[in-house]
Amino acid sequence: MSKIVIENELIRLRETTPEDVERVIAIERDEENRRYVYNWPKERHLESIQSEDERHFMVEDQKNGKVVGYIILSSMTSPHDVIEFDRITIDIKGKGYGRQCVRLIKKLCFETYGCHRLWLDVFDDNPKARKLYESEGFVFEGTLRECKKYEDGYRSMHILSMLSQEYGKAENR
């Protein structure tokens, strides 16, 4: 049984196990998700689960225990107290899981891991995700123009971040 790391009324984040990897791959390769997340091979997910520098979590619905997504954090061993919110992929849309995940990740990173800066990137053609991050207090920093090559050409990424002092203000609104 994997360890529950953090939870609220709607969801819980637990450590990903090797047995979860097939489900993770199915979620990231889903038609709605695959354009917005990198598609890793099984071996890369297994490496991430074992890595000291990464945290790999399954997102489960509190009521029924169903897996509804997964999250990856990276740069956990950074001497700069900076964590990358590397990936969030939610399989069931429109239920508030994404927003609750972002809130739990902020709490985990700032309150438990003691990070100073939490950052993420989001494809420029994913305005729904960017809007969610900004509504949760992330600040737009800039755009990495045409930095990722895909089958249909190059795509740009927006960089957003939150600092520890901004987290404190956002949580006290």
N, C-alpha and C. Protein backbone atom coordinates (compact mmCIF):
# COMPACT_ATOMS: atom_id res chain seq x y z
N MET A 1 0.85 -1.19 0.00
CA MET A 1 0.00 0.00 0.00
C MET A 1 0.88 1.24 0.00
N SER A 2 0.58 2.18 -0.87
CA SER A 2 1.39 3.39 -0.92
C SER A 2 0.88 4.42 0.09
N LYS A 3 1.77 5.30 0.43
CA LYS A 3 1.51 6.28 1.49
C LYS A 3 0.73 7.49 0.98
N ILE A 4 -0.30 7.87 1.73
CA ILE A 4 -1.02 9.12 1.44
C ILE A 4 -0.13 10.26 1.93
N VAL A 5 0.08 11.23 1.05
CA VAL A 5 0.99 12.33 1.36
C VAL A 5 0.23 13.56 1.86
N ILE A 6 -0.87 13.88 1.21
CA ILE A 6 -1.69 15.03 1.60
C ILE A 6 -3.09 14.81 1.05
N GLU A 7 -4.08 15.38 1.74
CA GLU A 7 -5.47 15.19 1.31
C GLU A 7 -6.34 16.34 1.76
N ASN A 8 -7.51 16.43 1.13
CA ASN A 8 -8.56 17.35 1.57
C ASN A 8 -9.89 16.61 1.45
N GLU A 9 -10.98 17.32 1.47
CA GLU A 9 -12.30 16.69 1.45
C GLU A 9 -12.58 15.96 0.13
N LEU A 10 -12.03 16.46 -0.99
CA LEU A 10 -12.34 15.92 -2.31
C LEU A 10 -11.33 14.88 -2.80
N ILE A 11 -10.04 15.13 -2.57
CA ILE A 11 -9.01 14.26 -3.14
C ILE A 11 -7.91 13.93 -2.13
N ARG A 12 -7.11 12.95 -2.50
CA ARG A 12 -5.89 12.65 -1.76
C ARG A 12 -4.78 12.41 -2.78
N LEU A 13 -3.58 12.78 -2.39
CA LEU A 13 -2.40 12.48 -3.20
C LEU A 13 -1.63 11.40 -2.46
N ARG A 14 -1.32 10.34 -3.16
CA ARG A 14 -0.54 9.27 -2.57
C ARG A 14 0.66 8.99 -3.46
N GLU A 15 1.66 8.39 -2.87
CA GLU A 15 2.86 8.04 -3.63
C GLU A 15 2.49 7.05 -4.74
N THR A 16 3.04 7.26 -5.91
CA THR A 16 2.83 6.35 -7.03
C THR A 16 3.68 5.09 -6.81
N THR A 17 3.12 3.96 -7.11
CA THR A 17 3.86 2.68 -7.04
C THR A 17 4.12 2.18 -8.46
N PRO A 18 5.04 1.25 -8.61
CA PRO A 18 5.27 0.67 -9.93
C PRO A 18 4.00 0.06 -10.53
N GLU A 19 3.11 -0.44 -9.69
CA GLU A 19 1.86 -1.03 -10.18
C GLU A 19 0.92 0.02 -10.77
N ASP A 20 1.13 1.29 -10.45
CA ASP A 20 0.29 2.37 -10.97
C ASP A 20 0.70 2.86 -12.35
N VAL A 21 1.88 2.49 -12.80
CA VAL A 21 2.45 3.11 -14.00
C VAL A 21 1.61 2.88 -15.25
N GLU A 22 1.01 1.73 -15.40
CA GLU A 22 0.16 1.49 -16.59
C GLU A 22 -1.01 2.48 -16.60
N ARG A 23 -1.59 2.74 -15.45
CA ARG A 23 -2.70 3.71 -15.34
C ARG A 23 -2.20 5.11 -15.67
N VAL A 24 -1.01 5.47 -15.19
CA VAL A 24 -0.41 6.78 -15.48
C VAL A 24 -0.25 6.95 -16.98
N ILE A 25 0.28 5.95 -17.64
CA ILE A 25 0.49 6.01 -19.09
C ILE A 25 -0.84 6.15 -19.82
N ALA A 26 -1.85 5.44 -19.38
CA ALA A 26 -3.17 5.55 -20.01
C ALA A 26 -3.73 6.96 -19.85
N ILE A 27 -3.54 7.58 -18.69
CA ILE A 27 -4.02 8.94 -18.45
C ILE A 27 -3.30 9.93 -19.36
N GLU A 28 -1.98 9.85 -19.44
CA GLU A 28 -1.25 10.85 -20.23
C GLU A 28 -1.44 10.65 -21.73
N ARG A 29 -1.80 9.46 -22.16
CA ARG A 29 -2.00 9.21 -23.59
C ARG A 29 -3.44 9.36 -24.03
N ASP A 30 -4.31 9.66 -23.08
CA ASP A 30 -5.71 9.92 -23.40
C ASP A 30 -5.80 11.06 -24.41
N GLU A 31 -6.76 10.95 -25.30
CA GLU A 31 -6.94 11.94 -26.38
C GLU A 31 -6.94 13.38 -25.88
N GLU A 32 -7.64 13.65 -24.78
CA GLU A 32 -7.73 15.01 -24.25
C GLU A 32 -6.45 15.48 -23.58
N ASN A 33 -5.61 14.57 -23.15
CA ASN A 33 -4.43 14.93 -22.37
C ASN A 33 -3.13 14.96 -23.15
N ARG A 34 -2.99 14.11 -24.12
CA ARG A 34 -1.67 13.88 -24.71
C ARG A 34 -1.05 15.08 -25.39
N ARG A 35 -1.82 16.01 -25.84
CA ARG A 35 -1.24 17.20 -26.47
C ARG A 35 -0.63 18.15 -25.44
N TYR A 36 -1.03 18.03 -24.18
CA TYR A 36 -0.60 18.99 -23.16
C TYR A 36 0.41 18.43 -22.17
N VAL A 37 0.75 17.15 -22.27
CA VAL A 37 1.75 16.57 -21.37
C VAL A 37 2.73 15.74 -22.18
N TYR A 38 3.93 15.65 -21.68
CA TYR A 38 4.93 14.79 -22.31
C TYR A 38 4.54 13.34 -22.09
N ASN A 39 4.72 12.54 -23.10
CA ASN A 39 4.40 11.12 -23.01
C ASN A 39 5.68 10.34 -22.76
N TRP A 40 5.85 9.94 -21.52
CA TRP A 40 7.04 9.20 -21.12
C TRP A 40 6.84 7.71 -21.33
N PRO A 41 7.92 7.00 -21.59
CA PRO A 41 7.82 5.53 -21.59
C PRO A 41 7.72 5.02 -20.15
N LYS A 42 7.31 3.80 -20.01
CA LYS A 42 7.15 3.18 -18.69
C LYS A 42 8.42 3.32 -17.85
N GLU A 43 9.58 3.09 -18.47
CA GLU A 43 10.85 3.14 -17.75
C GLU A 43 11.11 4.51 -17.13
N ARG A 44 10.71 5.57 -17.83
CA ARG A 44 10.94 6.92 -17.29
C ARG A 44 10.06 7.18 -16.08
N HIS A 45 8.83 6.71 -16.10
CA HIS A 45 7.95 6.86 -14.93
C HIS A 45 8.51 6.07 -13.75
N LEU A 46 8.97 4.86 -14.01
CA LEU A 46 9.55 4.04 -12.94
C LEU A 46 10.78 4.72 -12.35
N GLU A 47 11.58 5.33 -13.20
CA GLU A 47 12.75 6.08 -12.74
C GLU A 47 12.32 7.25 -11.86
N SER A 48 11.27 7.94 -12.28
CA SER A 48 10.76 9.09 -11.52
C SER A 48 10.28 8.67 -10.13
N ILE A 49 9.61 7.53 -10.06
CA ILE A 49 9.12 7.03 -8.77
C ILE A 49 10.26 6.78 -7.80
N GLN A 50 11.40 6.32 -8.32
CA GLN A 50 12.55 5.99 -7.48
C GLN A 50 13.49 7.16 -7.23
N SER A 51 13.33 8.23 -7.96
CA SER A 51 14.26 9.36 -7.92
C SER A 51 14.18 10.16 -6.63
N GLU A 52 15.33 10.56 -6.12
CA GLU A 52 15.38 11.47 -4.97
C GLU A 52 14.96 12.88 -5.38
N ASP A 53 15.14 13.19 -6.66
CA ASP A 53 14.90 14.55 -7.15
C ASP A 53 13.46 14.77 -7.62
N GLU A 54 12.66 13.72 -7.67
CA GLU A 54 11.29 13.84 -8.15
C GLU A 54 10.32 13.20 -7.17
N ARG A 55 9.09 13.70 -7.17
CA ARG A 55 8.00 13.09 -6.41
C ARG A 55 6.87 12.81 -7.41
N HIS A 56 6.38 11.60 -7.38
CA HIS A 56 5.36 11.14 -8.33
C HIS A 56 4.16 10.75 -7.49
N PHE A 57 3.01 11.37 -7.74
CA PHE A 57 1.80 11.14 -6.95
C PHE A 57 0.63 10.70 -7.80
N MET A 58 -0.18 9.84 -7.26
CA MET A 58 -1.47 9.51 -7.84
C MET A 58 -2.52 10.38 -7.15
N VAL A 59 -3.50 10.83 -7.93
CA VAL A 59 -4.61 11.63 -7.41
C VAL A 59 -5.82 10.72 -7.34
N GLU A 60 -6.40 10.61 -6.15
CA GLU A 60 -7.57 9.75 -5.96
C GLU A 60 -8.75 10.53 -5.40
N ASP A 61 -9.92 10.17 -5.85
CA ASP A 61 -11.16 10.73 -5.30
C ASP A 61 -11.33 10.17 -3.89
N GLN A 62 -11.62 11.05 -2.94
CA GLN A 62 -11.77 10.63 -1.53
C GLN A 62 -12.97 9.69 -1.33
N LYS A 63 -14.05 9.95 -2.06
CA LYS A 63 -15.27 9.18 -1.80
C LYS A 63 -15.17 7.74 -2.27
N ASN A 64 -14.62 7.53 -3.48
CA ASN A 64 -14.63 6.18 -4.04
C ASN A 64 -13.24 5.58 -4.26
N GLY A 65 -12.19 6.34 -3.99
CA GLY A 65 -10.83 5.83 -4.14
C GLY A 65 -10.36 5.71 -5.57
N LYS A 66 -11.17 6.16 -6.52
CA LYS A 66 -10.82 6.04 -7.93
C LYS A 66 -9.67 6.98 -8.29
N VAL A 67 -8.72 6.48 -9.07
CA VAL A 67 -7.62 7.31 -9.57
C VAL A 67 -8.18 8.25 -10.62
N VAL A 68 -7.94 9.55 -10.43
CA VAL A 68 -8.45 10.56 -11.37
C VAL A 68 -7.33 11.35 -12.04
N GLY A 69 -6.07 11.05 -11.69
CA GLY A 69 -4.96 11.75 -12.31
C GLY A 69 -3.65 11.44 -11.63
N TYR A 70 -2.62 12.18 -12.04
CA TYR A 70 -1.32 12.04 -11.41
C TYR A 70 -0.57 13.37 -11.49
N ILE A 71 0.45 13.50 -10.65
CA ILE A 71 1.23 14.72 -10.52
C ILE A 71 2.70 14.34 -10.38
N ILE A 72 3.57 15.15 -10.97
CA ILE A 72 5.01 14.98 -10.78
C ILE A 72 5.61 16.32 -10.36
N LEU A 73 6.40 16.29 -9.31
CA LEU A 73 7.21 17.43 -8.89
C LEU A 73 8.66 17.09 -9.17
N SER A 74 9.47 18.08 -9.53
CA SER A 74 10.89 17.82 -9.73
C SER A 74 11.74 18.93 -9.13
N SER A 75 13.04 18.71 -9.15
CA SER A 75 14.02 19.61 -8.52
C SER A 75 13.88 19.60 -7.00
N MET A 76 13.48 18.46 -6.46
CA MET A 76 13.28 18.34 -5.02
C MET A 76 14.57 18.49 -4.22
N THR A 77 15.69 18.23 -4.84
CA THR A 77 16.97 18.32 -4.14
C THR A 77 17.71 19.62 -4.47
N SER A 78 17.04 20.56 -5.10
CA SER A 78 17.66 21.83 -5.47
C SER A 78 18.16 22.57 -4.22
N PRO A 79 19.39 23.05 -4.24
CA PRO A 79 19.89 23.82 -3.10
C PRO A 79 19.29 25.22 -3.04
N HIS A 80 18.48 25.56 -4.03
CA HIS A 80 17.90 26.91 -4.12
C HIS A 80 16.48 26.99 -3.57
N ASP A 81 15.96 25.89 -3.02
CA ASP A 81 14.59 25.84 -2.49
C ASP A 81 13.55 26.16 -3.56
N VAL A 82 13.81 25.66 -4.77
CA VAL A 82 12.91 25.85 -5.90
C VAL A 82 12.40 24.49 -6.33
N ILE A 83 11.09 24.37 -6.48
CA ILE A 83 10.48 23.12 -6.93
C ILE A 83 9.74 23.39 -8.23
N GLU A 84 9.88 22.47 -9.17
CA GLU A 84 9.13 22.56 -10.41
C GLU A 84 7.87 21.70 -10.30
N PHE A 85 6.74 22.33 -10.53
CA PHE A 85 5.45 21.63 -10.63
C PHE A 85 5.43 21.09 -12.06
N ASP A 86 6.08 19.95 -12.20
CA ASP A 86 6.44 19.41 -13.50
C ASP A 86 5.25 18.94 -14.31
N ARG A 87 4.30 18.31 -13.64
CA ARG A 87 3.19 17.75 -14.40
C ARG A 87 1.97 17.56 -13.51
N ILE A 88 0.83 17.89 -14.09
CA ILE A 88 -0.46 17.52 -13.51
C ILE A 88 -1.32 17.06 -14.68
N THR A 89 -1.86 15.88 -14.57
CA THR A 89 -2.72 15.35 -15.61
C THR A 89 -3.94 14.76 -14.94
N ILE A 90 -5.09 15.32 -15.27
CA ILE A 90 -6.35 14.89 -14.68
C ILE A 90 -7.17 14.18 -15.75
N ASP A 91 -7.65 13.02 -15.42
CA ASP A 91 -8.38 12.18 -16.36
C ASP A 91 -9.87 12.55 -16.44
N ILE A 92 -10.42 13.02 -15.34
CA ILE A 92 -11.85 13.33 -15.29
C ILE A 92 -11.98 14.84 -15.15
N LYS A 93 -12.48 15.48 -16.18
CA LYS A 93 -12.55 16.94 -16.23
C LYS A 93 -13.87 17.46 -15.65
N GLY A 94 -13.81 18.73 -15.19
CA GLY A 94 -15.02 19.42 -14.77
C GLY A 94 -15.54 19.10 -13.38
N LYS A 95 -14.75 18.41 -12.58
CA LYS A 95 -15.19 18.05 -11.23
C LYS A 95 -14.44 18.82 -10.14
N GLY A 96 -13.51 19.71 -10.54
CA GLY A 96 -12.74 20.47 -9.56
C GLY A 96 -11.48 19.78 -9.09
N TYR A 97 -11.16 18.63 -9.66
CA TYR A 97 -9.96 17.90 -9.24
C TYR A 97 -8.68 18.71 -9.50
N GLY A 98 -8.61 19.35 -10.67
CA GLY A 98 -7.42 20.12 -11.02
C GLY A 98 -7.14 21.24 -10.03
N ARG A 99 -8.16 22.01 -9.72
CA ARG A 99 -8.00 23.12 -8.77
C ARG A 99 -7.59 22.61 -7.38
N GLN A 100 -8.22 21.53 -6.95
CA GLN A 100 -7.88 20.98 -5.64
C GLN A 100 -6.44 20.44 -5.62
N CYS A 101 -6.01 19.87 -6.74
CA CYS A 101 -4.62 19.41 -6.84
C CYS A 101 -3.65 20.58 -6.72
N VAL A 102 -3.93 21.66 -7.43
CA VAL A 102 -3.05 22.83 -7.37
C VAL A 102 -2.98 23.34 -5.93
N ARG A 103 -4.09 23.40 -5.26
CA ARG A 103 -4.09 23.88 -3.87
C ARG A 103 -3.29 22.96 -2.95
N LEU A 104 -3.45 21.66 -3.12
CA LEU A 104 -2.70 20.73 -2.28
C LEU A 104 -1.21 20.78 -2.59
N ILE A 105 -0.86 20.94 -3.85
CA ILE A 105 0.56 21.02 -4.22
C ILE A 105 1.19 22.29 -3.63
N LYS A 106 0.49 23.40 -3.69
CA LYS A 106 1.03 24.63 -3.08
C LYS A 106 1.26 24.42 -1.59
N LYS A 107 0.28 23.86 -0.92
CA LYS A 107 0.40 23.61 0.52
C LYS A 107 1.57 22.67 0.81
N LEU A 108 1.66 21.59 0.06
CA LEU A 108 2.74 20.62 0.26
C LEU A 108 4.11 21.26 0.03
N CYS A 109 4.24 21.99 -1.07
CA CYS A 109 5.55 22.57 -1.42
C CYS A 109 5.97 23.67 -0.45
N PHE A 110 5.07 24.56 -0.10
CA PHE A 110 5.45 25.68 0.76
C PHE A 110 5.45 25.32 2.25
N GLU A 111 4.48 24.55 2.69
CA GLU A 111 4.36 24.27 4.12
C GLU A 111 5.13 23.02 4.58
N THR A 112 5.20 22.01 3.74
CA THR A 112 5.88 20.78 4.12
C THR A 112 7.32 20.74 3.63
N TYR A 113 7.50 21.02 2.34
CA TYR A 113 8.85 20.95 1.76
C TYR A 113 9.65 22.24 1.96
N GLY A 114 8.99 23.32 2.37
CA GLY A 114 9.68 24.58 2.65
C GLY A 114 10.30 25.25 1.45
N CYS A 115 9.66 25.13 0.31
CA CYS A 115 10.25 25.75 -0.88
C CYS A 115 10.04 27.26 -0.86
N HIS A 116 10.90 27.95 -1.58
CA HIS A 116 10.80 29.40 -1.72
C HIS A 116 10.06 29.77 -3.00
N ARG A 117 10.26 28.98 -4.05
CA ARG A 117 9.66 29.27 -5.36
C ARG A 117 9.13 27.97 -5.95
N LEU A 118 7.88 28.02 -6.39
CA LEU A 118 7.23 26.92 -7.08
C LEU A 118 6.92 27.42 -8.49
N TRP A 119 7.39 26.70 -9.49
CA TRP A 119 7.15 27.17 -10.85
C TRP A 119 6.64 26.05 -11.75
N LEU A 120 6.08 26.45 -12.88
CA LEU A 120 5.54 25.50 -13.84
C LEU A 120 5.59 26.11 -15.23
N ASP A 121 5.43 25.24 -16.20
CA ASP A 121 5.25 25.73 -17.57
C ASP A 121 3.95 25.16 -18.10
N VAL A 122 3.36 25.88 -19.04
CA VAL A 122 2.10 25.47 -19.63
C VAL A 122 2.14 25.87 -21.10
N PHE A 123 1.68 24.98 -21.97
CA PHE A 123 1.67 25.29 -23.39
C PHE A 123 0.81 26.53 -23.66
N ASP A 124 1.25 27.35 -24.59
CA ASP A 124 0.53 28.59 -24.88
C ASP A 124 -0.85 28.35 -25.48
N ASP A 125 -1.10 27.15 -25.99
CA ASP A 125 -2.42 26.83 -26.54
C ASP A 125 -3.30 26.10 -25.52
N ASN A 126 -3.00 26.31 -24.23
CA ASN A 126 -3.79 25.72 -23.15
C ASN A 126 -4.24 26.85 -22.20
N PRO A 127 -5.07 27.77 -22.71
CA PRO A 127 -5.47 28.92 -21.87
C PRO A 127 -6.29 28.53 -20.65
N LYS A 128 -7.00 27.43 -20.70
CA LYS A 128 -7.80 26.99 -19.55
C LYS A 128 -6.87 26.69 -18.37
N ALA A 129 -5.78 25.97 -18.63
CA ALA A 129 -4.83 25.65 -17.55
C ALA A 129 -4.17 26.92 -17.03
N ARG A 130 -3.74 27.80 -17.94
CA ARG A 130 -3.09 29.04 -17.50
C ARG A 130 -4.04 29.86 -16.62
N LYS A 131 -5.30 29.92 -17.01
CA LYS A 131 -6.29 30.67 -16.23
C LYS A 131 -6.42 30.08 -14.82
N LEU A 132 -6.44 28.75 -14.73
CA LEU A 132 -6.52 28.09 -13.42
C LEU A 132 -5.31 28.47 -12.57
N TYR A 133 -4.10 28.35 -13.13
CA TYR A 133 -2.89 28.66 -12.36
C TYR A 133 -2.89 30.11 -11.89
N GLU A 134 -3.25 31.02 -12.76
CA GLU A 134 -3.27 32.43 -12.38
C GLU A 134 -4.34 32.71 -11.33
N SER A 135 -5.48 32.04 -11.43
CA SER A 135 -6.54 32.23 -10.42
C SER A 135 -6.12 31.69 -9.06
N GLU A 136 -5.13 30.80 -9.05
CA GLU A 136 -4.60 30.24 -7.81
C GLU A 136 -3.36 30.97 -7.33
N GLY A 137 -3.06 32.12 -7.96
CA GLY A 137 -1.98 32.97 -7.47
C GLY A 137 -0.65 32.86 -8.18
N PHE A 138 -0.54 32.02 -9.20
CA PHE A 138 0.70 31.95 -9.96
C PHE A 138 0.84 33.18 -10.83
N VAL A 139 2.07 33.67 -10.97
CA VAL A 139 2.36 34.90 -11.71
C VAL A 139 3.04 34.54 -13.03
N PHE A 140 2.53 35.10 -14.11
CA PHE A 140 3.11 34.90 -15.44
C PHE A 140 4.48 35.58 -15.49
N GLU A 141 5.49 34.84 -15.92
CA GLU A 141 6.85 35.38 -16.01
C GLU A 141 7.30 35.64 -17.44
N GLY A 142 6.80 34.87 -18.37
CA GLY A 142 7.23 35.05 -19.75
C GLY A 142 6.94 33.81 -20.58
N THR A 143 7.37 33.88 -21.84
CA THR A 143 7.11 32.82 -22.79
C THR A 143 8.41 32.32 -23.39
N LEU A 144 8.57 31.02 -23.41
CA LEU A 144 9.66 30.39 -24.13
C LEU A 144 9.11 30.09 -25.52
N ARG A 145 9.51 30.90 -26.48
CA ARG A 145 8.92 30.82 -27.81
C ARG A 145 9.41 29.60 -28.58
N GLU A 146 8.45 28.85 -29.13
CA GLU A 146 8.71 27.69 -29.97
C GLU A 146 9.84 26.82 -29.42
N CYS A 147 9.71 26.44 -28.17
CA CYS A 147 10.77 25.70 -27.47
C CYS A 147 10.57 24.18 -27.47
N LYS A 148 9.41 23.72 -27.88
CA LYS A 148 9.14 22.28 -27.89
C LYS A 148 8.71 21.84 -29.30
N LYS A 149 9.36 20.80 -29.78
CA LYS A 149 9.05 20.28 -31.11
C LYS A 149 8.03 19.15 -30.99
N TYR A 150 6.96 19.27 -31.74
CA TYR A 150 5.92 18.25 -31.80
C TYR A 150 5.72 17.84 -33.24
N GLU A 151 4.86 16.84 -33.45
CA GLU A 151 4.60 16.35 -34.80
C GLU A 151 4.16 17.46 -35.74
N ASP A 152 3.39 18.39 -35.23
CA ASP A 152 2.81 19.44 -36.06
C ASP A 152 3.61 20.74 -36.04
N GLY A 153 4.82 20.72 -35.53
CA GLY A 153 5.65 21.93 -35.52
C GLY A 153 6.13 22.26 -34.12
N TYR A 154 6.54 23.49 -33.96
CA TYR A 154 7.08 23.95 -32.68
C TYR A 154 5.99 24.62 -31.86
N ARG A 155 6.09 24.44 -30.54
CA ARG A 155 5.10 25.02 -29.63
C ARG A 155 5.81 25.83 -28.56
N SER A 156 5.12 26.85 -28.08
CA SER A 156 5.67 27.74 -27.07
C SER A 156 5.11 27.38 -25.69
N MET A 157 5.89 27.74 -24.66
CA MET A 157 5.50 27.47 -23.28
C MET A 157 5.49 28.77 -22.49
N HIS A 158 4.45 28.95 -21.66
CA HIS A 158 4.40 30.07 -20.72
C HIS A 158 4.98 29.58 -19.40
N ILE A 159 5.75 30.44 -18.74
CA ILE A 159 6.33 30.14 -17.43
C ILE A 159 5.56 30.94 -16.39
N LEU A 160 5.11 30.26 -15.32
CA LEU A 160 4.43 30.91 -14.21
C LEU A 160 5.09 30.43 -12.92
N SER A 161 5.02 31.28 -11.90
CA SER A 161 5.60 30.87 -10.62
C SER A 161 4.85 31.53 -9.47
N MET A 162 5.18 31.01 -8.28
CA MET A 162 4.68 31.59 -7.04
C MET A 162 5.83 31.54 -6.04
N LEU A 163 6.00 32.64 -5.31
CA LEU A 163 7.02 32.71 -4.26
C LEU A 163 6.36 32.45 -2.91
N SER A 164 7.16 32.07 -1.94
CA SER A 164 6.61 31.72 -0.63
C SER A 164 5.80 32.87 -0.03
N GLN A 165 6.28 34.11 -0.17
CA GLN A 165 5.53 35.24 0.39
C GLN A 165 4.22 35.47 -0.36
N GLU A 166 4.16 35.11 -1.62
CA GLU A 166 2.90 35.22 -2.38
C GLU A 166 1.93 34.12 -1.96
N TYR A 167 2.45 32.96 -1.65
CA TYR A 167 1.61 31.86 -1.17
C TYR A 167 0.92 32.28 0.11
N GLY A 168 1.64 32.85 1.03
CA GLY A 168 1.04 33.29 2.29
C GLY A 168 -0.08 34.29 2.08
N LYS A 169 0.12 35.23 1.16
CA LYS A 169 -0.91 36.23 0.87
C LYS A 169 -2.11 35.59 0.18
N ALA A 170 -1.85 34.70 -0.76
CA ALA A 170 -2.93 34.06 -1.51
C ALA A 170 -3.81 33.21 -0.59
N GLU A 171 -3.21 32.56 0.39
CA GLU A 171 -3.96 31.70 1.28
C GLU A 171 -4.74 32.49 2.34
N ASN A 172 -4.40 33.77 2.53
CA ASN A 172 -5.10 34.58 3.52
C ASN A 172 -6.12 35.53 2.92
N ARG A 173 -6.46 35.33 1.65
CA ARG A 173 -7.45 36.19 0.99
C ARG A 173 -8.83 35.89 1.51
